PDB file of N, CA and C in Angstrom:
ATOM      1  N   MET A   1     119.170 107.117 110.897  1.00  0.00           N
ATOM      2  CA  MET A   1     117.744 107.285 111.145  1.00  0.00           C
ATOM      3  C   MET A   1     117.112 105.934 111.437  1.00  0.00           C
ATOM      4  N   VAL A   2     116.030 105.994 112.177  1.00  0.00           N
ATOM      5  CA  VAL A   2     115.246 104.815 112.523  1.00  0.00           C
ATOM      6  C   VAL A   2     113.870 104.977 111.887  1.00  0.00           C
ATOM      7  N   LYS A   3     113.333 103.857 111.407  1.00  0.00           N
ATOM      8  CA  LYS A   3     112.017 103.889 110.771  1.00  0.00           C
ATOM      9  C   LYS A   3     111.054 102.986 111.514  1.00  0.00           C
ATOM     10  N   LEU A   4     109.833 103.453 111.660  1.00  0.00           N
ATOM     11  CA  LEU A   4     108.718 102.589 112.016  1.00  0.00           C
ATOM     12  C   LEU A   4     108.044 102.280 110.689  1.00  0.00           C
ATOM     13  N   ILE A   5     107.957 101.006 110.362  1.00  0.00           N
ATOM     14  CA  ILE A   5     107.442 100.574 109.065  1.00  0.00           C
ATOM     15  C   ILE A   5     106.101  99.874 109.269  1.00  0.00           C
ATOM     16  N   ALA A   6     105.104 100.276 108.498  1.00  0.00           N
ATOM     17  CA  ALA A   6     103.791  99.629 108.524  1.00  0.00           C
ATOM     18  C   ALA A   6     103.540  99.033 107.143  1.00  0.00           C
ATOM     19  N   LEU A   7     103.336  97.725 107.109  1.00  0.00           N
ATOM     20  CA  LEU A   7     103.067  97.015 105.869  1.00  0.00           C
ATOM     21  C   LEU A   7     101.645  96.480 105.933  1.00  0.00           C
ATOM     22  N   TYR A   8     100.823  96.896 104.979  1.00  0.00           N
ATOM     23  CA  TYR A   8      99.398  96.560 104.980  1.00  0.00           C
ATOM     24  C   TYR A   8      99.067  95.522 103.916  1.00  0.00           C
ATOM     25  N   LYS A   9      98.386  94.451 104.320  1.00  0.00           N
ATOM     26  CA  LYS A   9      97.879  93.463 103.374  1.00  0.00           C
ATOM     27  C   LYS A   9      96.720  94.075 102.593  1.00  0.00           C
ATOM     28  N   ASN A  10      96.371  93.449 101.480  1.00  0.00           N
ATOM     29  CA  ASN A  10      95.237  93.923 100.683  1.00  0.00           C
ATOM     30  C   ASN A  10      93.948  93.873 101.501  1.00  0.00           C
ATOM     31  N   PRO A  11      93.247  94.993 101.602  1.00  0.00           N
ATOM     32  CA  PRO A  11      91.946  94.992 102.279  1.00  0.00           C
ATOM     33  C   PRO A  11      90.864  94.467 101.337  1.00  0.00           C
ATOM     34  N   GLU A  12      89.744  94.093 101.907  1.00  0.00           N
ATOM     35  CA  GLU A  12      88.621  93.633 101.075  1.00  0.00           C
ATOM     36  C   GLU A  12      88.139  94.743 100.154  1.00  0.00           C
ATOM     37  N   ASN A  13      88.042  95.958 100.682  1.00  0.00           N
ATOM     38  CA  ASN A  13      87.570  97.103  99.905  1.00  0.00           C
ATOM     39  C   ASN A  13      88.684  98.156  99.872  1.00  0.00           C
ATOM     40  N   LYS A  14      89.454  98.189  98.790  1.00  0.00           N
ATOM     41  CA  LYS A  14      90.598  99.099  98.695  1.00  0.00           C
ATOM     42  C   LYS A  14      90.172 100.562  98.708  1.00  0.00           C
ATOM     43  N   GLU A  15      89.061 100.878  98.054  1.00  0.00           N
ATOM     44  CA  GLU A  15      88.618 102.276  97.997  1.00  0.00           C
ATOM     45  C   GLU A  15      88.249 102.770  99.391  1.00  0.00           C
ATOM     46  N   GLU A  16      87.523 101.963 100.144  1.00  0.00           N
ATOM     47  CA  GLU A  16      87.126 102.330 101.509  1.00  0.00           C
ATOM     48  C   GLU A  16      88.362 102.449 102.407  1.00  0.00           C
ATOM     49  N   PHE A  17      89.288 101.506 102.263  1.00  0.00           N
ATOM     50  CA  PHE A  17      90.527 101.544 103.032  1.00  0.00           C
ATOM     51  C   PHE A  17      91.300 102.828 102.731  1.00  0.00           C
ATOM     52  N   ASP A  18      91.508 103.121 101.443  1.00  0.00           N
ATOM     53  CA  ASP A  18      92.263 104.313 101.048  1.00  0.00           C
ATOM     54  C   ASP A  18      91.606 105.585 101.552  1.00  0.00           C
ATOM     55  N   GLU A  19      90.294 105.650 101.490  1.00  0.00           N
ATOM     56  CA  GLU A  19      89.561 106.823 101.976  1.00  0.00           C
ATOM     57  C   GLU A  19      89.917 107.082 103.439  1.00  0.00           C
ATOM     58  N   HIS A  20      89.837 106.041 104.256  1.00  0.00           N
ATOM     59  CA  HIS A  20      90.134 106.209 105.682  1.00  0.00           C
ATOM     60  C   HIS A  20      91.632 106.468 105.894  1.00  0.00           C
ATOM     61  N   TYR A  21      92.455 105.698 105.224  1.00  0.00           N
ATOM     62  CA  TYR A  21      93.905 105.825 105.425  1.00  0.00           C
ATOM     63  C   TYR A  21      94.398 107.233 105.103  1.00  0.00           C
ATOM     64  N   PHE A  22      94.059 107.719 103.918  1.00  0.00           N
ATOM     65  CA  PHE A  22      94.609 109.004 103.476  1.00  0.00           C
ATOM     66  C   PHE A  22      93.897 110.221 104.068  1.00  0.00           C
ATOM     67  N   ASN A  23      92.611 110.100 104.400  1.00  0.00           N
ATOM     68  CA  ASN A  23      91.864 111.254 104.883  1.00  0.00           C
ATOM     69  C   ASN A  23      91.707 111.314 106.395  1.00  0.00           C
ATOM     70  N   THR A  24      91.907 110.181 107.079  1.00  0.00           N
ATOM     71  CA  THR A  24      91.779 110.165 108.533  1.00  0.00           C
ATOM     72  C   THR A  24      93.078 109.726 109.203  1.00  0.00           C
ATOM     73  N   HIS A  25      93.566 108.536 108.858  1.00  0.00           N
ATOM     74  CA  HIS A  25      94.713 107.986 109.579  1.00  0.00           C
ATOM     75  C   HIS A  25      96.003 108.776 109.337  1.00  0.00           C
ATOM     76  N   SER A  26      96.329 109.055 108.096  1.00  0.00           N
ATOM     77  CA  SER A  26      97.574 109.780 107.801  1.00  0.00           C
ATOM     78  C   SER A  26      97.645 111.143 108.490  1.00  0.00           C
ATOM     79  N   PRO A  27      96.576 111.946 108.469  1.00  0.00           N
ATOM     80  CA  PRO A  27      96.651 113.235 109.172  1.00  0.00           C
ATOM     81  C   PRO A  27      96.867 113.087 110.678  1.00  0.00           C
ATOM     82  N   ILE A  28      96.291 112.045 111.288  1.00  0.00           N
ATOM     83  CA  ILE A  28      96.513 111.799 112.722  1.00  0.00           C
ATOM     84  C   ILE A  28      97.984 111.451 112.947  1.00  0.00           C
ATOM     85  N   THR A  29      98.507 110.540 112.135  1.00  0.00           N
ATOM     86  CA  THR A  29      99.885 110.074 112.279  1.00  0.00           C
ATOM     87  C   THR A  29     100.881 111.200 112.035  1.00  0.00           C
ATOM     88  N   ALA A  30     100.606 112.061 111.084  1.00  0.00           N
ATOM     89  CA  ALA A  30     101.526 113.153 110.739  1.00  0.00           C
ATOM     90  C   ALA A  30     101.756 114.113 111.898  1.00  0.00           C
ATOM     91  N   LYS A  31     100.869 114.114 112.886  1.00  0.00           N
ATOM     92  CA  LYS A  31     100.979 115.025 114.028  1.00  0.00           C
ATOM     93  C   LYS A  31     101.866 114.483 115.151  1.00  0.00           C
ATOM     94  N   ILE A  32     102.392 113.252 115.007  1.00  0.00           N
ATOM     95  CA  ILE A  32     103.198 112.662 116.069  1.00  0.00           C
ATOM     96  C   ILE A  32     104.492 113.463 116.241  1.00  0.00           C
ATOM     97  N   PRO A  33     104.764 113.939 117.460  1.00  0.00           N
ATOM     98  CA  PRO A  33     105.989 114.703 117.698  1.00  0.00           C
ATOM     99  C   PRO A  33     107.230 113.854 117.405  1.00  0.00           C
ATOM    100  N   GLY A  34     108.226 114.472 116.777  1.00  0.00           N
ATOM    101  CA  GLY A  34     109.476 113.777 116.482  1.00  0.00           C
ATOM    102  C   GLY A  34     109.494 113.075 115.142  1.00  0.00           C
ATOM    103  N   LEU A  35     108.348 112.963 114.492  1.00  0.00           N
ATOM    104  CA  LEU A  35     108.284 112.336 113.175  1.00  0.00           C
ATOM    105  C   LEU A  35     108.944 113.266 112.165  1.00  0.00           C
ATOM    106  N   ARG A  36     110.014 112.801 111.524  1.00  0.00           N
ATOM    107  CA  ARG A  36     110.757 113.626 110.568  1.00  0.00           C
ATOM    108  C   ARG A  36     110.117 113.633 109.196  1.00  0.00           C
ATOM    109  N   LYS A  37     109.706 112.470 108.725  1.00  0.00           N
ATOM    110  CA  LYS A  37     108.988 112.397 107.455  1.00  0.00           C
ATOM    111  C   LYS A  37     108.241 111.081 107.405  1.00  0.00           C
ATOM    112  N   MET A  38     107.249 111.047 106.537  1.00  0.00           N
ATOM    113  CA  MET A  38     106.414 109.865 106.361  1.00  0.00           C
ATOM    114  C   MET A  38     106.276 109.638 104.861  1.00  0.00           C
ATOM    115  N   GLU A  39     106.677 108.438 104.415  1.00  0.00           N
ATOM    116  CA  GLU A  39     106.577 108.089 103.001  1.00  0.00           C
ATOM    117  C   GLU A  39     105.635 106.911 102.848  1.00  0.00           C
ATOM    118  N   VAL A  40     104.663 107.059 101.963  1.00  0.00           N
ATOM    119  CA  VAL A  40     103.685 105.997 101.707  1.00  0.00           C
ATOM    120  C   VAL A  40     103.876 105.502 100.285  1.00  0.00           C
ATOM    121  N   THR A  41     103.961 104.189 100.137  1.00  0.00           N
ATOM    122  CA  THR A  41     104.122 103.550  98.835  1.00  0.00           C
ATOM    123  C   THR A  41     102.932 102.650  98.582  1.00  0.00           C
ATOM    124  N   LYS A  42     102.274 102.842  97.451  1.00  0.00           N
ATOM    125  CA  LYS A  42     101.192 101.941  97.061  1.00  0.00           C
ATOM    126  C   LYS A  42     101.816 100.765  96.318  1.00  0.00           C
ATOM    127  N   ILE A  43     101.544  99.559  96.776  1.00  0.00           N
ATOM    128  CA  ILE A  43     102.086  98.353  96.154  1.00  0.00           C
ATOM    129  C   ILE A  43     101.231  98.030  94.925  1.00  0.00           C
ATOM    130  N   VAL A  44     101.856  97.928  93.780  1.00  0.00           N
ATOM    131  CA  VAL A  44     101.110  97.703  92.529  1.00  0.00           C
ATOM    132  C   VAL A  44     101.363  96.328  91.926  1.00  0.00           C
ATOM    133  N   GLY A  45     102.209  95.535  92.552  1.00  0.00           N
ATOM    134  CA  GLY A  45     102.490  94.196  92.050  1.00  0.00           C
ATOM    135  C   GLY A  45     103.818  93.725  92.585  1.00  0.00           C
ATOM    136  N   SER A  46     104.301  92.617  92.043  1.00  0.00           N
ATOM    137  CA  SER A  46     105.617  92.090  92.402  1.00  0.00           C
ATOM    138  C   SER A  46     106.217  91.441  91.164  1.00  0.00           C
ATOM    139  N   PRO A  47     107.494  91.141  91.181  1.00  0.00           N
ATOM    140  CA  PRO A  47     108.089  90.477  90.013  1.00  0.00           C
ATOM    141  C   PRO A  47     107.434  89.123  89.705  1.00  0.00           C
ATOM    142  N   MET A  48     106.772  88.545  90.712  1.00  0.00           N
ATOM    143  CA  MET A  48     106.099  87.265  90.502  1.00  0.00           C
ATOM    144  C   MET A  48     104.633  87.435  90.104  1.00  0.00           C
ATOM    145  N   GLY A  49     104.180  88.668  89.921  1.00  0.00           N
ATOM    146  CA  GLY A  49     102.790  88.916  89.534  1.00  0.00           C
ATOM    147  C   GLY A  49     102.052  89.701  90.598  1.00  0.00           C
ATOM    148  N   ALA A  50     100.913  89.175  91.009  1.00  0.00           N
ATOM    149  CA  ALA A  50     100.084  89.860  91.997  1.00  0.00           C
ATOM    150  C   ALA A  50     100.778  89.880  93.361  1.00  0.00           C
ATOM    151  N   SER A  51     100.419  90.861  94.173  1.00  0.00           N
ATOM    152  CA  SER A  51     100.977  90.991  95.515  1.00  0.00           C
ATOM    153  C   SER A  51      99.873  90.854  96.551  1.00  0.00           C
ATOM    154  N   ASP A  52     100.231  90.340  97.710  1.00  0.00           N
ATOM    155  CA  ASP A  52      99.293  90.242  98.832  1.00  0.00           C
ATOM    156  C   ASP A  52      99.218  91.545  99.611  1.00  0.00           C
ATOM    157  N   TYR A  53     100.034  92.538  99.198  1.00  0.00           N
ATOM    158  CA  TYR A  53     100.150  93.771  99.965  1.00  0.00           C
ATOM    159  C   TYR A  53      99.612  94.981  99.200  1.00  0.00           C
ATOM    160  N   HIS A  54      99.115  95.944  99.979  1.00  0.00           N
ATOM    161  CA  HIS A  54      98.464  97.128  99.423  1.00  0.00           C
ATOM    162  C   HIS A  54      99.294  98.406  99.621  1.00  0.00           C
ATOM    163  N   LEU A  55      99.774  98.631 100.841  1.00  0.00           N
ATOM    164  CA  LEU A  55     100.525  99.851 101.146  1.00  0.00           C
ATOM    165  C   LEU A  55     101.714  99.547 102.048  1.00  0.00           C
ATOM    166  N   LEU A  56     102.728 100.399 101.927  1.00  0.00           N
ATOM    167  CA  LEU A  56     103.871 100.402 102.821  1.00  0.00           C
ATOM    168  C   LEU A  56     104.048 101.838 103.293  1.00  0.00           C
ATOM    169  N   CYS A  57     104.134 102.028 104.594  1.00  0.00           N
ATOM    170  CA  CYS A  57     104.372 103.366 105.142  1.00  0.00           C
ATOM    171  C   CYS A  57     105.647 103.331 105.968  1.00  0.00           C
ATOM    172  N   GLU A  58     106.554 104.271 105.681  1.00  0.00           N
ATOM    173  CA  GLU A  58     107.798 104.400 106.433  1.00  0.00           C
ATOM    174  C   GLU A  58     107.773 105.741 107.166  1.00  0.00           C
ATOM    175  N   MET A  59     107.902 105.658 108.492  1.00  0.00           N
ATOM    176  CA  MET A  59     107.874 106.839 109.346  1.00  0.00           C
ATOM    177  C   MET A  59     109.252 106.999 109.977  1.00  0.00           C
ATOM    178  N   TYR A  60     109.927 108.090 109.683  1.00  0.00           N
ATOM    179  CA  TYR A  60     111.325 108.300 110.046  1.00  0.00           C
ATOM    180  C   TYR A  60     111.468 109.116 111.336  1.00  0.00           C
ATOM    181  N   TYR A  61     112.380 108.632 112.198  1.00  0.00           N
ATOM    182  CA  TYR A  61     112.726 109.311 113.446  1.00  0.00           C
ATOM    183  C   TYR A  61     114.246 109.414 113.531  1.00  0.00           C
ATOM    184  N   ASP A  62     114.740 110.378 114.327  1.00  0.00           N
ATOM    185  CA  ASP A  62     116.188 110.596 114.428  1.00  0.00           C
ATOM    186  C   ASP A  62     116.927 109.362 114.938  1.00  0.00           C
ATOM    187  N   ASP A  63     116.371 108.709 115.954  1.00  0.00           N
ATOM    188  CA  ASP A  63     117.025 107.548 116.552  1.00  0.00           C
ATOM    189  C   ASP A  63     116.005 106.763 117.373  1.00  0.00           C
ATOM    190  N   HIS A  64     116.470 105.689 118.009  1.00  0.00           N
ATOM    191  CA  HIS A  64     115.563 104.843 118.788  1.00  0.00           C
ATOM    192  C   HIS A  64     114.926 105.609 119.946  1.00  0.00           C
ATOM    193  N   ASP A  65     115.696 106.478 120.585  1.00  0.00           N
ATOM    194  CA  ASP A  65     115.141 107.249 121.702  1.00  0.00           C
ATOM    195  C   ASP A  65     114.026 108.177 121.229  1.00  0.00           C
ATOM    196  N   ALA A  66     114.205 108.787 120.075  1.00  0.00           N
ATOM    197  CA  ALA A  66     113.171 109.675 119.532  1.00  0.00           C
ATOM    198  C   ALA A  66     111.904 108.879 119.202  1.00  0.00           C
ATOM    199  N   LEU A  67     112.078 107.678 118.656  1.00  0.00           N
ATOM    200  CA  LEU A  67     110.926 106.824 118.358  1.00  0.00           C
ATOM    201  C   LEU A  67     110.213 106.419 119.645  1.00  0.00           C
ATOM    202  N   LYS A  68     110.970 106.000 120.650  1.00  0.00           N
ATOM    203  CA  LYS A  68     110.367 105.601 121.933  1.00  0.00           C
ATOM    204  C   LYS A  68     109.601 106.755 122.556  1.00  0.00           C
ATOM    205  N   ALA A  69     110.188 107.942 122.541  1.00  0.00           N
ATOM    206  CA  ALA A  69     109.523 109.120 123.103  1.00  0.00           C
ATOM    207  C   ALA A  69     108.250 109.440 122.331  1.00  0.00           C
ATOM    208  N   ALA A  70     108.331 109.344 121.011  1.00  0.00           N
ATOM    209  CA  ALA A  70     107.166 109.644 120.176  1.00  0.00           C
ATOM    210  C   ALA A  70     106.012 108.691 120.465  1.00  0.00           C
ATOM    211  N   MET A  71     106.324 107.416 120.676  1.00  0.00           N
ATOM    212  CA  MET A  71     105.282 106.409 120.877  1.00  0.00           C
ATOM    213  C   MET A  71     104.530 106.593 122.189  1.00  0.00           C
ATOM    214  N   LYS A  72     105.079 107.403 123.098  1.00  0.00           N
ATOM    215  CA  LYS A  72     104.430 107.663 124.383  1.00  0.00           C
ATOM    216  C   LYS A  72     103.490 108.868 124.343  1.00  0.00           C
ATOM    217  N   THR A  73     103.447 109.567 123.212  1.00  0.00           N
ATOM    218  CA  THR A  73     102.639 110.786 123.120  1.00  0.00           C
ATOM    219  C   THR A  73     101.172 110.478 122.861  1.00  0.00           C
ATOM    220  N   ASP A  74     100.331 111.446 123.186  1.00  0.00           N
ATOM    221  CA  ASP A  74      98.891 111.308 122.920  1.00  0.00           C
ATOM    222  C   ASP A  74      98.617 111.141 121.431  1.00  0.00           C
ATOM    223  N   GLU A  75      99.407 111.824 120.593  1.00  0.00           N
ATOM    224  CA  GLU A  75      99.215 111.734 119.143  1.00  0.00           C
ATOM    225  C   GLU A  75      99.497 110.316 118.638  1.00  0.00           C
ATOM    226  N   ALA A  76     100.547 109.690 119.153  1.00  0.00           N
ATOM    227  CA  ALA A  76     100.862 108.316 118.752  1.00  0.00           C
ATOM    228  C   ALA A  76      99.800 107.344 119.255  1.00  0.00           C
ATOM    229  N   LYS A  77      99.313 107.581 120.454  1.00  0.00           N
ATOM    230  CA  LYS A  77      98.251 106.718 120.996  1.00  0.00           C
ATOM    231  C   LYS A  77      96.987 106.839 120.158  1.00  0.00           C
ATOM    232  N   ALA A  78      96.676 108.050 119.709  1.00  0.00           N
ATOM    233  CA  ALA A  78      95.502 108.250 118.845  1.00  0.00           C
ATOM    234  C   ALA A  78      95.694 107.545 117.509  1.00  0.00           C
ATOM    235  N   SER A  79      96.906 107.615 116.960  1.00  0.00           N
ATOM    236  CA  SER A  79      97.203 106.942 115.697  1.00  0.00           C
ATOM    237  C   SER A  79      97.069 105.427 115.862  1.00  0.00           C
ATOM    238  N   GLY A  80      97.616 104.899 116.943  1.00  0.00           N
ATOM    239  CA  GLY A  80      97.532 103.462 117.198  1.00  0.00           C
ATOM    240  C   GLY A  80      96.109 102.982 117.389  1.00  0.00           C
ATOM    241  N   LYS A  81      95.309 103.766 118.106  1.00  0.00           N
ATOM    242  CA  LYS A  81      93.900 103.405 118.323  1.00  0.00           C
ATOM    243  C   LYS A  81      93.159 103.384 116.996  1.00  0.00           C
ATOM    244  N   ASP A  82      93.387 104.393 116.162  1.00  0.00           N
ATOM    245  CA  ASP A  82      92.746 104.430 114.856  1.00  0.00           C
ATOM    246  C   ASP A  82      93.208 103.256 114.001  1.00  0.00           C
ATOM    247  N   LEU A  83      94.502 102.981 114.010  1.00  0.00           N
ATOM    248  CA  LEU A  83      95.055 101.883 113.224  1.00  0.00           C
ATOM    249  C   LEU A  83      94.394 100.558 113.583  1.00  0.00           C
ATOM    250  N   MET A  84      94.293 100.272 114.852  1.00  0.00           N
ATOM    251  CA  MET A  84      93.689  99.001 115.275  1.00  0.00           C
ATOM    252  C   MET A  84      92.211  98.937 114.902  1.00  0.00           C
ATOM    253  N   GLY A  85      91.567 100.093 114.857  1.00  0.00           N
ATOM    254  CA  GLY A  85      90.141 100.132 114.524  1.00  0.00           C
ATOM    255  C   GLY A  85      89.844  99.833 113.061  1.00  0.00           C
ATOM    256  N   PHE A  86      90.720 100.263 112.152  1.00  0.00           N
ATOM    257  CA  PHE A  86      90.399 100.061 110.736  1.00  0.00           C
ATOM    258  C   PHE A  86      91.306  99.060 110.037  1.00  0.00           C
ATOM    259  N   ALA A  87      92.468  98.736 110.637  1.00  0.00           N
ATOM    260  CA  ALA A  87      93.405  97.862 109.922  1.00  0.00           C
ATOM    261  C   ALA A  87      94.194  96.933 110.836  1.00  0.00           C
ATOM    262  N   GLY A  88      93.707  96.699 112.033  1.00  0.00           N
ATOM    263  CA  GLY A  88      94.442  95.872 112.986  1.00  0.00           C
ATOM    264  C   GLY A  88      94.766  94.481 112.468  1.00  0.00           C
ATOM    265  N   ASP A  89      93.880  93.930 111.643  1.00  0.00           N
ATOM    266  CA  ASP A  89      94.102  92.585 111.110  1.00  0.00           C
ATOM    267  C   ASP A  89      94.879  92.596 109.795  1.00  0.00           C
ATOM    268  N   LEU A  90      95.211  93.780 109.294  1.00  0.00           N
ATOM    269  CA  LEU A  90      95.904  93.897 107.997  1.00  0.00           C
ATOM    270  C   LEU A  90      97.350  94.356 108.115  1.00  0.00           C
ATOM    271  N   VAL A  91      97.718  94.919 109.247  1.00  0.00           N
ATOM    272  CA  VAL A  91      99.009  95.603 109.348  1.00  0.00           C
ATOM    273  C   VAL A  91     100.056  94.776 110.092  1.00  0.00           C
ATOM    274  N   THR A  92     101.292  94.871 109.617  1.00  0.00           N
ATOM    275  CA  THR A  92     102.462  94.369 110.318  1.00  0.00           C
ATOM    276  C   THR A  92     103.358  95.571 110.571  1.00  0.00           C
ATOM    277  N   LEU A  93     103.782  95.754 111.816  1.00  0.00           N
ATOM    278  CA  LEU A  93     104.645  96.872 112.186  1.00  0.00           C
ATOM    279  C   LEU A  93     106.055  96.362 112.466  1.00  0.00           C
ATOM    280  N   MET A  94     107.050  97.101 111.974  1.00  0.00           N
ATOM    281  CA  MET A  94     108.452  96.739 112.153  1.00  0.00           C
ATOM    282  C   MET A  94     109.256  98.004 112.449  1.00  0.00           C
ATOM    283  N   ILE A  95     110.400  97.826 113.102  1.00  0.00           N
ATOM    284  CA  ILE A  95     111.329  98.924 113.325  1.00  0.00           C
ATOM    285  C   ILE A  95     112.605  98.599 112.563  1.00  0.00           C
ATOM    286  N   GLY A  96     113.096  99.560 111.785  1.00  0.00           N
ATOM    287  CA  GLY A  96     114.310  99.346 111.008  1.00  0.00           C
ATOM    288  C   GLY A  96     115.281 100.495 111.177  1.00  0.00           C
ATOM    289  N   GLU A  97     116.536 100.211 110.882  1.00  0.00           N
ATOM    290  CA  GLU A  97     117.583 101.229 110.899  1.00  0.00           C
ATOM    291  C   GLU A  97     118.137 101.369 109.493  1.00  0.00           C
ATOM    292  N   GLU A  98     118.318 102.606 109.056  1.00  0.00           N
ATOM    293  CA  GLU A  98     118.950 102.831 107.771  1.00  0.00           C
ATOM    294  C   GLU A  98     120.432 102.473 107.885  1.00  0.00           C
ATOM    295  N   VAL A  99     120.963 101.839 106.843  1.00  0.00           N
ATOM    296  CA  VAL A  99     122.384 101.488 106.818  1.00  0.00           C
ATOM    297  C   VAL A  99     123.004 102.037 105.538  1.00  0.00           C
ATOM    298  N   ASP A 100     124.265 102.371 105.631  1.00  0.00           N
ATOM    299  CA  ASP A 100     124.999 102.834 104.450  1.00  0.00           C
ATOM    300  C   ASP A 100     125.455 101.610 103.666  1.00  0.00           C
ATOM    301  N   GLY A 101     125.338 101.669 102.346  1.00  0.00           N
ATOM    302  CA  GLY A 101     125.827 100.586 101.498  1.00  0.00           C
ATOM    303  C   GLY A 101     127.347 100.495 101.592  1.00  0.00           C
ATOM    304  N   GLU A 102     127.854  99.309 101.440  1.00  0.00           N
ATOM    305  CA  GLU A 102     129.303  99.144 101.561  1.00  0.00           C
ATOM    306  C   GLU A 102     129.923  98.856 100.218  1.00  0.00           C
TER     307      GLU A 102
END
């Protein structure tokens, strides 16, 4: 599986961010064709104490081709537009591949 990973830095107003993220952005993103599952993790700290990060979202696709196809859809474009509008300066996006432990 391939993941599109979104890592969000701490916003100035966490309550306002969460309201938009969970009630507006997540429902838009969940409609992207080819998305197998979406897991959101709230960052609560780190072994060194406080964390600079607020949320991690992992969006799973079958493979790179499925991810590429999904990103061309109207639903993905709507998700991206919303993302840039409320969190463009907070988010880092990455693509990862799941690997089996050896």
